[in-house]
């Protein structure tokens, strides 16, 4: 009955005109149907009694049953023996050309690529269609957040070229949005964008619907996602719920997805940016003067009008003291009693060496926790390689070495006596050897031998021009400080100062 496809209502209209006595020639002149096709339809109508004035016209279902073309029997595809393999490859996303080539190489397949293409098309038709649901959002209930790739910007002041990203937060009911251009998707950037967006809206929605960025979700999961601790603390401080989409389901935040595309297609083309600050100034002006006041394609109203009239009043109040954005991360305390964060070093108590700690980093401070207990606080360092050390965090021997500096040794020597002070000064005057440990060891002898004996031992060591730690130790151990100590400063001034150990000049050789 010809090649043109007729709808059932068109057949019914032609049958009605046939009932009124119009001939096939007349129907052909109207352009409704050709003569041959009209004759064939009239023959079928007579057979089924459709032209009887007293009988009702058939409905679409009956017309389709009678007039539908017969189903032709399809020939078996040449891929039928390989159905299982082709279905498996197709489910993995392998292209038809690769499947055809593999069949030829592996199974000596003789069929054409067209056979493969037809088979894959049939598989596609057999799949159930993908259907979506339009979600309804109440005013103030939710905001959707997403990142989108931005342009590369060359800073005219520094000459630096860098990649950018769009951050977009859209209120799901009014479609009022906040947009910002940033240089990365790090945790502090993510939290800072949220803070500025909520300040822009002047309130907090009940839920924030997000994808699964690493700055927010540490484990993407359909039913049990793990939230980044930094983002969890931030959400708790502002009082909103985090609602991550299931993995690979971006359509569940389609409002902000469309918002990101709108920014890219409406704001970005033909724009030139001198710096990141200039880009954000242009973006905020565009958002205020164009995006907010346009007639939205879905709501058919201006987003800013819906927001100001309704949604703004239903948002939760901002906290009196907004939480400070902070990064939480696990670190290990190394054997040097320091943890490393962003190439800087911070100390923690030595008893926790080799253990894992929680590190909280804000813009100005670093805090270290062990099992929820605060164990260290530092000012955040800005330059890589810097070190912040609290002496109390070091082991006792290291603390002793650092605390007992040369000034401490000199003060202790003054308390012991002038000969001890002279010996300590001699040690520190050495321009080759660091004698701090030797000086510390000498003044500590007072705890074992007392000040008087130590002063005598230092006097004897100076008299024999051997002011060394080992000399003082030997004198005290052998009790040589009791034997003929030098008795006057005149005698001490005549001491031979040459290289010979224990040598004396001729003036004193026969007088003592």
Protein backbone atom coordinates (compact mmCIF):
# COMPACT_ATOMS: atom_id res chain seq x y z
CA UNK A 1 0.00 0.00 0.00
CA UNK A 2 2.83 2.41 -0.88
CA UNK A 3 5.88 3.59 1.01
CA UNK A 4 4.41 6.48 3.00
CA UNK A 5 3.65 5.66 6.60
CA UNK A 6 0.04 6.43 7.54
CA UNK A 7 -1.09 7.09 11.08
CA UNK A 8 -4.20 5.27 12.22
CA UNK A 9 -6.17 8.52 12.57
CA UNK A 10 -5.43 9.26 8.90
CA UNK A 11 -6.86 5.87 7.87
CA UNK A 12 -9.96 6.54 9.97
CA UNK A 13 -10.47 9.93 8.29
CA UNK A 14 -10.20 8.34 4.83
CA UNK A 15 -12.69 5.64 5.81
CA UNK A 16 -15.13 8.33 6.97
CA UNK A 17 -14.92 10.05 3.56
CA UNK A 18 -15.40 6.71 1.80
CA UNK A 19 -18.59 6.26 3.84
CA UNK A 20 -19.77 9.60 2.49
CA UNK A 21 -19.48 8.22 -1.06
CA UNK A 22 -16.20 9.78 -2.22
CA UNK A 23 -14.48 7.79 -4.95
CA UNK A 24 -10.87 6.75 -5.01
CA UNK A 25 -10.17 9.33 -7.74
CA UNK A 26 -11.69 12.08 -5.57
CA UNK A 27 -9.63 11.03 -2.58
CA UNK A 28 -6.48 11.02 -4.69
CA UNK A 29 -7.15 14.57 -5.86
CA UNK A 30 -7.36 15.76 -2.26
CA UNK A 31 -3.86 14.42 -1.67
CA UNK A 32 -4.90 12.26 1.26
CA UNK A 33 -4.04 8.94 -0.39
CA UNK A 34 -3.09 7.54 -3.78
CA UNK A 35 -5.65 5.74 -5.97
CA UNK A 36 -4.01 2.36 -5.72
CA UNK A 37 -3.66 2.57 -1.96
CA UNK A 38 -7.23 3.85 -1.66
CA UNK A 39 -8.47 0.87 -3.68
CA UNK A 40 -6.57 -1.54 -1.47
CA UNK A 41 -7.92 0.14 1.68
CA UNK A 42 -11.49 0.07 0.30
CA UNK A 43 -11.16 -3.66 -0.37
CA UNK A 44 -10.02 -4.31 3.19
CA UNK A 45 -12.77 -2.07 4.57
CA UNK A 46 -15.49 -3.95 2.64
CA UNK A 47 -14.17 -7.23 3.97
CA UNK A 48 -14.36 -6.04 7.59
CA UNK A 49 -17.63 -4.08 7.20
CA UNK A 50 -16.04 -0.72 8.03
CA UNK A 51 -18.02 1.10 5.30
CA UNK A 52 -21.43 0.19 6.69
CA UNK A 53 -23.05 3.45 7.85
CA UNK A 54 -24.68 1.73 10.79
CA UNK A 55 -21.45 0.30 12.21
CA UNK A 56 -18.99 2.45 14.17
CA UNK A 57 -15.61 3.21 12.74
CA UNK A 58 -12.84 0.96 14.04
CA UNK A 59 -10.53 2.34 16.71
CA UNK A 60 -6.78 2.78 16.30
CA UNK A 61 -5.95 -0.54 17.89
CA UNK A 62 -8.15 -2.53 15.50
CA UNK A 63 -6.89 -0.58 12.48
CA UNK A 64 -3.28 -1.24 13.51
CA UNK A 65 -3.99 -4.96 13.94
CA UNK A 66 -5.50 -5.25 10.44
CA UNK A 67 -3.43 -2.76 8.46
CA UNK A 68 -0.02 -3.20 10.08
CA UNK A 69 2.54 -4.65 7.65
CA UNK A 70 3.33 -8.31 8.20
CA UNK A 71 6.36 -9.02 10.31
CA UNK A 72 9.12 -10.29 8.11
CA UNK A 73 11.19 -13.11 9.46
CA UNK A 74 14.70 -11.91 10.11
CA UNK A 75 17.59 -14.01 9.01
CA UNK A 76 19.99 -15.29 11.61
CA UNK A 77 22.97 -12.99 12.10
CA UNK A 78 26.41 -14.26 11.21
CA UNK A 79 27.40 -13.25 14.76
CA UNK A 80 24.95 -15.66 16.41
CA UNK A 81 27.71 -18.17 17.31
CA UNK A 82 29.63 -15.38 19.02
CA UNK A 83 26.73 -13.73 20.85
CA UNK A 84 28.18 -14.30 24.33
CA UNK A 85 31.59 -12.88 23.46
CA UNK A 86 30.21 -9.86 21.60
CA UNK A 87 27.80 -9.00 24.44
CA UNK A 88 30.64 -9.17 26.97
CA UNK A 89 32.89 -6.95 24.86
CA UNK A 90 30.08 -4.47 24.21
CA UNK A 91 29.32 -4.19 27.94
CA UNK A 92 32.98 -3.24 28.48
CA UNK A 93 32.62 -0.34 26.06
CA UNK A 94 34.75 -1.86 23.28
CA UNK A 95 34.03 -0.31 19.89
CA UNK A 96 32.48 -2.20 16.96
CA UNK A 97 35.61 -1.94 14.81
CA UNK A 98 37.74 -3.54 17.52
CA UNK A 99 35.14 -6.30 18.00
CA UNK A 100 35.08 -7.00 14.23
CA UNK A 101 38.87 -7.14 14.04
CA UNK A 102 39.10 -9.42 17.09
CA UNK A 103 36.53 -11.81 15.63
CA UNK A 104 38.53 -12.00 12.43
CA UNK A 105 41.81 -12.64 14.22
CA UNK A 106 40.55 -14.99 16.93
CA UNK A 107 37.69 -16.88 15.26
CA UNK A 108 38.41 -16.38 11.51
CA UNK A 109 35.12 -14.49 11.20
CA UNK A 110 34.11 -13.96 7.56
CA UNK A 111 31.23 -11.52 8.07
CA UNK A 112 31.34 -7.80 7.33
CA UNK A 113 31.60 -4.92 9.74
CA UNK A 114 27.99 -4.03 8.85
CA UNK A 115 26.87 -7.29 10.46
CA UNK A 116 28.66 -6.31 13.65
CA UNK A 117 27.14 -2.83 13.55
CA UNK A 118 23.59 -4.19 13.05
CA UNK A 119 24.09 -6.67 15.88
CA UNK A 120 25.28 -3.94 18.26
CA UNK A 121 22.36 -1.70 17.27
CA UNK A 122 19.97 -4.52 18.12
CA UNK A 123 21.66 -4.96 21.49
CA UNK A 124 21.22 -1.25 22.13
CA UNK A 125 17.51 -1.38 21.25
CA UNK A 126 16.96 -4.36 23.53
CA UNK A 127 18.20 -2.39 26.52
CA UNK A 128 15.54 -0.72 28.65
CA UNK A 129 15.45 3.03 28.05
CA UNK A 130 17.07 5.31 30.58
CA UNK A 131 14.47 7.40 32.36
CA UNK A 132 14.95 10.18 34.87
CA UNK A 133 12.74 11.77 37.48
CA UNK A 134 12.29 15.50 38.07
CA UNK A 135 13.07 16.07 41.74
CA UNK A 136 11.11 18.63 43.68
CA UNK A 137 12.99 20.89 46.12
CA UNK A 138 11.44 22.97 48.85
CA UNK A 139 12.64 26.55 49.41
CA UNK A 140 15.72 26.59 51.63
CA UNK A 141 16.00 22.80 51.57
CA UNK A 142 19.09 22.24 49.46
CA UNK A 143 21.98 23.71 47.51
CA UNK A 144 24.00 21.87 44.88
CA UNK A 145 27.76 22.30 44.46
CA UNK A 146 30.13 21.42 41.63
CA UNK A 147 33.47 22.27 40.06
CA UNK A 148 33.97 22.89 36.34
CA UNK A 149 37.14 23.32 34.30
CA UNK A 150 37.96 26.98 33.68
CA UNK A 151 40.36 28.75 31.30
CA UNK A 152 44.12 29.05 31.52
CA UNK A 153 45.08 32.54 32.69
CA UNK A 154 48.33 34.39 32.16
CA UNK A 155 48.88 36.91 34.96
CA UNK A 156 49.97 40.16 33.28
CA UNK A 157 51.80 41.27 36.44
CA UNK A 158 53.89 38.14 37.08
CA UNK A 159 53.79 36.38 33.70
CA UNK A 160 52.68 33.16 35.41
CA UNK A 161 50.33 30.89 33.47
CA UNK A 162 48.02 28.65 35.47
CA UNK A 163 44.89 26.51 35.14
CA UNK A 164 41.62 27.53 36.80
CA UNK A 165 38.38 25.94 37.98
CA UNK A 166 34.84 27.24 38.39
CA UNK A 167 33.20 26.68 41.78
CA UNK A 168 29.40 26.97 41.55
CA UNK A 169 26.83 26.67 44.35
CA UNK A 170 23.18 26.84 43.24
CA UNK A 171 20.11 26.96 45.46
CA UNK A 172 17.93 24.16 44.09
CA UNK A 173 14.57 25.93 44.45
CA UNK A 174 15.22 29.47 43.26
CA UNK A 175 18.24 28.66 41.00
CA UNK A 176 20.06 31.63 42.53
CA UNK A 177 23.78 30.86 42.31
CA UNK A 178 27.22 31.86 43.53
CA UNK A 179 30.23 31.39 41.23
CA UNK A 180 33.96 31.80 41.83
CA UNK A 181 37.13 31.02 39.90
CA UNK A 182 39.93 29.25 41.80
CA UNK A 183 43.34 27.76 41.05
CA UNK A 184 42.90 24.30 42.60
CA UNK A 185 40.46 21.93 44.29
CA UNK A 186 42.31 21.50 47.59
CA UNK A 187 40.54 21.18 50.92
CA UNK A 188 41.08 24.76 52.07
CA UNK A 189 39.96 26.07 48.67
CA UNK A 190 36.81 23.93 48.87
CA UNK A 191 36.00 25.13 52.38
CA UNK A 192 36.80 28.75 51.57
CA UNK A 193 34.47 28.72 48.56
CA UNK A 194 31.68 27.30 50.73
CA UNK A 195 32.24 30.01 53.31
CA UNK A 196 32.06 32.81 50.76
CA UNK A 197 29.04 31.26 49.01
CA UNK A 198 27.02 30.99 52.24
CA UNK A 199 27.98 34.57 53.12
CA UNK A 200 26.77 35.61 49.63
CA UNK A 201 23.37 33.98 50.24
CA UNK A 202 23.22 35.30 53.79
CA UNK A 203 22.02 31.95 55.12
CA UNK A 204 22.54 28.18 55.18
CA UNK A 205 20.43 25.55 53.34
CA UNK A 206 19.45 22.37 55.14
CA UNK A 207 21.46 20.17 52.78
CA UNK A 208 24.40 20.59 50.43
CA UNK A 209 24.34 18.11 47.55
CA UNK A 210 27.81 17.39 46.19
CA UNK A 211 29.63 15.02 43.89
CA UNK A 212 32.52 12.99 45.36
CA UNK A 213 35.57 15.30 45.22
CA UNK A 214 38.59 14.27 47.26
CA UNK A 215 38.35 17.51 49.21
CA UNK A 216 35.00 16.33 50.62
CA UNK A 217 34.66 12.53 50.32
CA UNK A 218 37.48 10.12 51.15
CA UNK A 219 35.56 7.00 50.08
CA UNK A 220 32.84 7.23 47.47
CA UNK A 221 30.15 4.63 48.11
CA UNK A 222 26.49 4.17 47.20
CA UNK A 223 25.24 3.61 50.76
CA UNK A 224 28.11 4.32 53.16
CA UNK A 225 30.40 7.14 51.93
CA UNK A 226 33.24 8.40 54.13
CA UNK A 227 33.39 12.18 54.57
CA UNK A 228 36.61 14.15 54.81
CA UNK A 229 37.00 15.13 58.48
CA UNK A 230 37.72 18.75 57.59
CA UNK A 231 34.47 19.04 55.61
CA UNK A 232 32.50 17.22 58.33
CA UNK A 233 33.66 19.71 60.99
CA UNK A 234 32.88 22.60 58.64
CA UNK A 235 29.35 21.30 57.96
CA UNK A 236 28.75 20.77 61.67
CA UNK A 237 29.84 24.32 62.40
CA UNK A 238 27.45 25.78 59.81
CA UNK A 239 24.64 23.32 60.54
CA UNK A 240 24.01 21.71 57.14
CA UNK A 241 23.89 18.06 56.09
CA UNK A 242 26.30 16.72 53.49
CA UNK A 243 24.45 14.78 50.78
CA UNK A 244 26.92 13.15 48.36
CA UNK A 245 25.63 11.73 45.09
CA UNK A 246 26.18 8.02 44.40
CA UNK A 247 29.33 7.32 42.38
CA UNK A 248 29.01 8.10 38.67
CA UNK A 249 25.55 9.63 39.13
CA UNK A 250 26.05 13.35 38.34
CA UNK A 251 22.43 13.67 37.14
CA UNK A 252 21.30 13.68 40.77
CA UNK A 253 22.72 17.19 40.99
CA UNK A 254 21.65 18.22 37.53
CA UNK A 255 20.70 21.76 38.57
CA UNK A 256 24.26 22.79 39.34
CA UNK A 257 25.56 20.74 36.40
CA UNK A 258 23.42 22.95 34.18
CA UNK A 259 24.67 25.99 36.12
CA UNK A 260 28.31 25.12 35.39
CA UNK A 261 27.51 24.72 31.68
CA UNK A 262 25.70 28.07 31.74
CA UNK A 263 28.77 29.77 33.23
CA UNK A 264 31.03 28.22 30.59
CA UNK A 265 28.77 29.03 27.64
CA UNK A 266 27.44 32.42 28.64
CA UNK A 267 30.22 34.02 30.67
CA UNK A 268 33.46 32.56 29.38
CA UNK A 269 33.36 33.11 25.57
CA UNK A 270 35.24 36.15 24.26
CA UNK A 271 36.46 37.13 27.74
CA UNK A 272 40.01 38.22 28.52
CA UNK A 273 41.46 38.09 32.02
CA UNK A 274 44.48 39.97 33.34
CA UNK A 275 44.72 37.96 36.55
CA UNK A 276 42.69 35.67 38.80
CA UNK A 277 41.39 38.67 40.75
CA UNK A 278 40.30 40.35 37.51
CA UNK A 279 38.56 37.13 36.39
CA UNK A 280 36.61 36.92 39.64
CA UNK A 281 35.58 40.57 39.46
CA UNK A 282 34.20 40.03 35.95
CA UNK A 283 32.51 36.77 37.03
CA UNK A 284 30.80 38.38 40.03
CA UNK A 285 29.59 41.30 37.93
CA UNK A 286 28.20 38.91 35.29
CA UNK A 287 26.53 36.81 37.97
CA UNK A 288 24.93 39.88 39.51
CA UNK A 289 23.89 41.69 36.32
CA UNK A 290 23.07 38.82 33.95
CA UNK A 291 22.76 35.38 35.55
CA UNK A 292 20.70 36.44 38.56
CA UNK A 293 18.18 38.55 36.63
CA UNK A 294 17.65 36.33 33.58
CA UNK A 295 14.39 34.46 33.13
CA UNK A 296 15.35 30.91 34.04
CA UNK A 297 14.42 28.26 31.49
CA UNK A 298 12.80 25.96 34.08
CA UNK A 299 11.19 28.26 36.63
CA UNK A 300 10.35 30.97 34.05
CA UNK A 301 11.20 33.57 36.69
CA UNK A 302 14.25 35.55 37.72
CA UNK A 303 16.40 33.56 40.21
CA UNK A 304 17.18 36.63 42.32
CA UNK A 305 13.49 37.52 42.53
CA UNK A 306 12.50 34.06 43.74
CA UNK A 307 15.38 34.13 46.19
CA UNK A 308 14.60 37.54 47.67
CA UNK A 309 10.84 37.02 47.87
CA UNK A 310 10.81 33.50 49.32
CA UNK A 311 13.92 31.40 49.75
CA UNK A 312 16.12 33.94 51.49
CA UNK A 313 13.74 34.03 54.46
CA UNK A 314 13.72 30.22 54.81
CA UNK A 315 17.49 29.72 54.96
CA UNK A 316 19.01 29.00 58.35
CA UNK A 317 20.94 31.78 60.00
CA UNK A 318 24.70 31.97 59.64
CA UNK A 319 26.58 31.08 62.85
CA UNK A 320 27.62 34.02 65.03
CA UNK A 321 31.20 32.80 64.81
CA UNK A 322 31.82 30.93 61.56
CA UNK A 323 34.11 27.93 61.97
CA UNK A 324 37.63 28.51 60.75
CA UNK A 325 38.42 26.32 57.72
CA UNK A 326 40.89 23.64 58.75
CA UNK A 327 42.65 20.68 57.15
CA UNK A 328 42.65 17.38 59.03
CA UNK A 329 45.18 14.75 58.06
CA UNK A 330 46.97 11.81 59.65
CA UNK A 331 50.73 12.16 60.10
CA UNK A 332 53.47 10.01 61.61
CA UNK A 333 55.87 11.29 64.27
CA UNK A 334 59.35 10.51 63.03
CA UNK A 335 62.36 9.58 65.14
CA UNK A 336 63.51 13.20 65.16
CA UNK A 337 60.36 14.07 67.17
CA UNK A 338 58.85 16.04 64.26
CA UNK A 339 56.00 15.51 61.83
CA UNK A 340 56.07 16.86 58.29
CA UNK A 341 53.22 18.87 56.76
CA UNK A 342 53.49 20.74 53.47
CA UNK A 343 57.31 20.47 53.60
CA UNK A 344 57.58 22.08 57.04
CA UNK A 345 58.33 20.34 60.35
CA UNK A 346 56.54 20.50 63.71
CA UNK A 347 57.58 18.81 66.97
CA UNK A 348 55.51 16.55 69.23
CA UNK A 349 56.35 14.73 72.51
CA UNK A 350 59.12 12.14 72.04
CA UNK A 351 57.05 9.42 73.78
CA UNK A 352 54.81 9.35 70.66
CA UNK A 353 57.64 8.62 68.22
CA UNK A 354 56.59 6.22 65.39
CA UNK A 355 52.90 6.70 66.20
CA UNK A 356 50.16 8.22 64.04
CA UNK A 357 48.74 11.60 65.05
CA UNK A 358 45.88 13.75 63.78
CA UNK A 359 47.06 17.11 62.46
CA UNK A 360 44.69 20.07 62.23
CA UNK A 361 45.97 22.92 60.06
CA UNK A 362 44.25 26.30 59.95
CA UNK A 363 45.50 29.42 58.24
CA UNK A 364 47.54 30.44 61.28
CA UNK A 365 48.04 27.37 63.51
CA UNK A 366 48.99 23.69 63.58
CA UNK A 367 47.53 21.40 66.26
CA UNK A 368 48.52 17.77 66.86
CA UNK A 369 46.19 15.27 68.56
CA UNK A 370 46.67 11.76 69.88
CA UNK A 371 43.43 9.87 70.58
CA UNK A 372 41.48 13.15 70.72
CA UNK A 373 43.97 14.66 73.18
CA UNK A 374 45.80 17.83 72.18
CA UNK A 375 49.55 17.17 72.45
CA UNK A 376 51.15 20.08 70.56
CA UNK A 377 50.33 23.55 69.20
CA UNK A 378 52.48 25.50 66.73
CA UNK A 379 52.25 28.63 64.64
CA UNK A 380 51.84 27.58 61.02
CA UNK A 381 55.03 28.03 59.01
CA UNK A 382 54.84 29.60 55.57
CA UNK A 383 58.16 28.61 53.98
CA UNK A 384 59.09 25.02 53.02
CA UNK A 385 61.90 23.56 55.11
CA UNK A 386 61.15 25.65 58.22
CA UNK A 387 61.04 23.92 61.62
CA UNK A 388 59.03 24.65 64.75
CA UNK A 389 60.42 22.88 67.83
CA UNK A 390 59.33 22.93 71.46
CA UNK A 391 62.22 21.81 73.68
CA UNK A 392 59.81 20.07 76.06
CA UNK A 393 58.98 17.63 73.24
CA UNK A 394 62.56 16.36 73.00
CA UNK A 395 64.03 13.44 75.02
CA UNK A 396 65.73 14.35 78.33
CA UNK A 397 69.31 14.08 77.07
CA UNK A 398 68.55 16.34 74.12
CA UNK A 399 66.77 18.81 76.41
CA UNK A 400 69.76 18.84 78.73
CA UNK A 401 72.15 19.53 75.88
CA UNK A 402 70.01 22.36 74.47
CA UNK A 403 69.16 23.94 77.82
CA UNK A 404 72.69 23.77 79.25
CA UNK A 405 74.20 26.20 76.79
CA UNK A 406 77.51 28.07 77.30
CA UNK A 407 75.84 30.79 79.36
CA UNK A 408 74.42 28.16 81.70
CA UNK A 409 77.85 26.54 82.05
CA UNK A 410 79.49 29.90 82.82
CA UNK A 411 76.87 30.67 85.44
CA UNK A 412 77.45 27.29 87.10
CA UNK A 413 81.22 27.83 87.03
CA UNK A 414 80.87 31.23 88.71
CA UNK A 415 78.95 29.52 91.49
CA UNK A 416 81.72 26.94 91.92
CA UNK A 417 84.73 29.25 91.98
CA UNK A 418 87.23 31.38 89.99
CA UNK A 419 89.42 28.44 88.91
CA UNK A 420 86.43 26.56 87.52
CA UNK A 421 85.33 29.73 85.70
CA UNK A 422 88.82 30.14 84.26
CA UNK A 423 88.88 26.55 83.06
CA UNK A 424 85.43 26.86 81.43
CA UNK A 425 86.44 30.10 79.71
CA UNK A 426 89.52 28.32 78.37
CA UNK A 427 87.37 25.55 76.92
CA UNK A 428 85.02 27.96 75.17
CA UNK A 429 87.92 29.96 73.76
CA UNK A 430 88.95 26.99 71.60
CA UNK A 431 88.43 28.00 67.96
CA UNK A 432 88.62 24.46 66.60
CA UNK A 433 86.66 22.17 68.91
CA UNK A 434 83.12 22.57 70.31
CA UNK A 435 83.68 21.95 74.02
CA UNK A 436 80.09 22.40 75.22
CA UNK A 437 79.70 18.78 76.29
CA UNK A 438 83.03 18.91 78.08
CA UNK A 439 82.01 22.05 79.95
CA UNK A 440 78.66 20.48 80.88
CA UNK A 441 80.43 17.39 82.19
CA UNK A 442 82.90 19.40 84.29
CA UNK A 443 80.29 21.54 86.09
CA UNK A 444 78.23 18.40 86.73
CA UNK A 445 81.09 16.98 88.81
CA UNK A 446 79.94 19.22 91.65
CA UNK A 447 76.95 16.89 92.16
CA UNK A 448 79.29 13.95 92.83
CA UNK A 449 82.36 15.56 94.42
CA UNK A 450 81.13 18.89 95.72
CA UNK A 451 82.10 22.43 94.81
CA UNK A 452 85.29 22.55 96.92
CA UNK A 453 86.93 19.47 95.42
CA UNK A 454 85.88 20.47 91.88
CA UNK A 455 87.39 23.94 92.38
CA UNK A 456 90.65 22.34 93.61
CA UNK A 457 90.74 19.96 90.65
CA UNK A 458 90.24 22.83 88.21
CA UNK A 459 93.02 24.76 89.99
CA UNK A 460 95.39 21.81 89.62
CA UNK A 461 94.46 21.27 85.94
CA UNK A 462 95.14 24.94 85.22
CA UNK A 463 98.41 24.82 87.16
CA UNK A 464 99.64 22.03 84.95
CA UNK A 465 98.22 23.74 81.87
CA UNK A 466 95.90 20.86 80.95
CA UNK A 467 92.37 22.29 81.20
CA UNK A 468 90.48 19.31 79.80
CA UNK A 469 87.52 17.27 80.91
CA UNK A 470 89.55 14.08 81.13
CA UNK A 471 92.19 15.80 83.26
CA UNK A 472 89.65 17.07 85.79
CA UNK A 473 87.97 13.66 85.86
CA UNK A 474 91.27 11.87 86.53
CA UNK A 475 92.30 14.31 89.26
CA UNK A 476 89.02 13.81 91.06
CA UNK A 477 88.96 10.03 90.60
CA UNK A 478 92.53 9.64 91.94
CA UNK A 479 92.00 12.31 94.63
CA UNK A 480 94.97 14.29 93.30
CA UNK A 481 93.17 17.47 94.24
CA UNK A 482 94.25 16.75 97.86
CA UNK A 483 97.98 16.67 97.01
CA UNK A 484 99.99 19.89 97.08
CA UNK A 485 97.57 22.14 95.26
CA UNK A 486 99.01 25.46 94.07
CA UNK A 487 98.58 27.96 96.90
CA UNK A 488 98.96 31.41 95.37
CA UNK A 489 98.04 33.30 92.28
CA UNK A 490 101.77 34.26 91.95
CA UNK A 491 102.64 30.62 91.58
CA UNK A 492 99.81 30.18 89.07
CA UNK A 493 101.10 33.10 87.00
CA UNK A 494 104.58 31.50 86.72
CA UNK A 495 103.24 28.32 85.18
CA UNK A 496 105.02 27.26 82.01
CA UNK A 497 102.66 27.64 79.06
CA UNK A 498 104.59 25.73 76.42
CA UNK A 499 103.62 22.55 74.62
CA UNK A 500 105.10 20.09 77.09
CA UNK A 501 102.60 18.37 79.31
CA UNK A 502 103.23 18.84 83.06
CA UNK A 503 106.46 20.77 82.32
CA UNK A 504 107.61 23.62 84.63
CA UNK A 505 110.06 26.44 84.13
CA UNK A 506 113.40 26.65 85.89
CA UNK A 507 112.13 29.26 88.39
CA UNK A 508 109.79 26.79 89.99
CA UNK A 509 111.63 23.56 89.35
CA UNK A 510 113.73 23.65 92.58
CA UNK A 511 111.42 25.66 94.81
CA UNK A 512 108.53 23.24 95.08
